[in-house]
Amino acid sequence: MFSKILIANRGEIAVRIIRACNEMGIHTVAVYSEADAEALHVNLADESYCIGPALLKDSYLNMTAIIDVAIATGCQAIHPGYGLLSENPRFAELCEKCNIKFIGPHWSVIAKMGDKDEARRTMKAAGVPVVPGLDEITDVAAAKKFAAEIGYPVIVKASAGGGGRGIRIVYKEEDFENAVLTASAEAKSAFGNGKVYLEKFLMDVKHVEMQIVADEQGNVVCLGERDCSMQRKNQKLIEESPCVALKPDVRQKMMEAAVLAAKTVHYTNLGTIEFLLDRQDNFYFMEMNTRLQVEHPVTEYVTGIDVVKWQIRIAAGMEFSSRQEDIRLRGCAIECRINSEDARNNFRPSCGKIALLHIPGGPWVRFDTAIYQDYQIPPYYDSMIGKLIVYAHDRTEAIRKMQAALCELVIEGVHTNAELSSDILAQPEFKDGSYCTNFLDKFLKNYH
């Protein structure tokens, strides 16, 4: 097992990883930007080092600075968390060259599955269902003709994308060319890669993802699903496990497809296979996230497995202790992302000092966060400041528990979306689980 790990991230996920390491008896090294000098992860780690100014490119995306700190402090491994460098094959390869274990899959797999276009082709060849579409768009006119053949709406997506960027939904033929150009430009700016591809845009679908764990001995286990359909502009807001709309036989087939996808690319460590599920119970591969997910806590609650600890153990060469027949989803878990934004003012980002903070408690209530009383939220980073997670024996109880926890949560000094999350939970479509990825678009039209 590793004796010292560097956490190449910030915010709540850096805190989450540090706590897992503390429980495992592993020494931790944090890196931080000048804007994060007073951040919680800086104070919780055994050692902390400033690696640059506030902007991401100068600090948390500065590969050389991070590697230099890891080498200088004698770290045997780096945990990238999610976002930032977690799906950057160049960083993972750099770690390997410096004899530092990257806690995640091999860099070649990250590169393969990070290219959404290549991932589609790979899954299609393996027999995993994929959405009808067109590989990399190199000829706009030809792509436009193909779009007309499969029928509108279609969706243009960045090959190297993630986080909802580089995506355009096209409802009319006359908007197609502009959508391709703007999606490509956004992808180039966000990911340094302007490649885009085309898919049929499926309406009224569920976004269901399967969590897989794959050790270096060749064992691949699926830890069940998460329903991530509650989204605004392709950004998840509320996640739950299990998915109430998923029939047992469909769940089994989707789990088998997820395991097949992982085995096809010789995947190791933690990963997520994302699917779209239509009203007729057909499911289609969407993409693979080669990292820890923001919403991993709901899986931890329903399975009883600490996936962050297992990421570390697998990276250290340990065999995963469970087999597929051992996995049982028990009860229901729901997660609400708490963002510092004004939901009633076009989701305007809200930064400032936390004047008052009260975190809800009680059995099976968890708040993963890096904020604290008097903490100053910096304006440079993602708006998510915490994740409120609850667990109960059934879904009805879990919804009530989450509503109670949201009412008890107090964060003064900045606007948050907690009230919006509570209002969503009260909607009939959420209560019966019938909501789809387009629910929020309709709901927010009358939300003022």
Foldseek 3Di string as FASTA:
>chain_A
DWQEEEELDAWLQLVVLLVLCVVVNHAYEYEDAPVCPVFQSCVSHPYYYYQYHDACVRGSLPLVSSVVVCVVVVGQEYEHGDPRCFLPLVSCVVCVVVNHQYLFWHSVLSVQQLQVLNLQVLLVVLVAFAFDWWGWDPDQVVRLVVCVVVDDFKKKAGRNDDPLALIDTDGDSVCRVVSLVRSLVRCCVPPVGSIIIMGHDDPLKWKKKWKWAAFLVGAIATLAIKTQQADDSPHGFKIKPDQPPQDPVLRVVVRVSVRSSCNSSVGHAIKMWIWIAHPVRDIHTRGIGRHDDPPCVNSCVQFVDDRSSVSVCRSVRDDDPDHHVSHDGFFMKMKGFKFQFALQPVRHHKWAFFQDWDADDDPFWDKRFRDDHRDTGDPNDGRGGIMIMGTDRYDVVNLVVLLVRLVRTDTPTTDICSVVVNVVSPDPCNVSSSDGNCVVVVVSVPPD
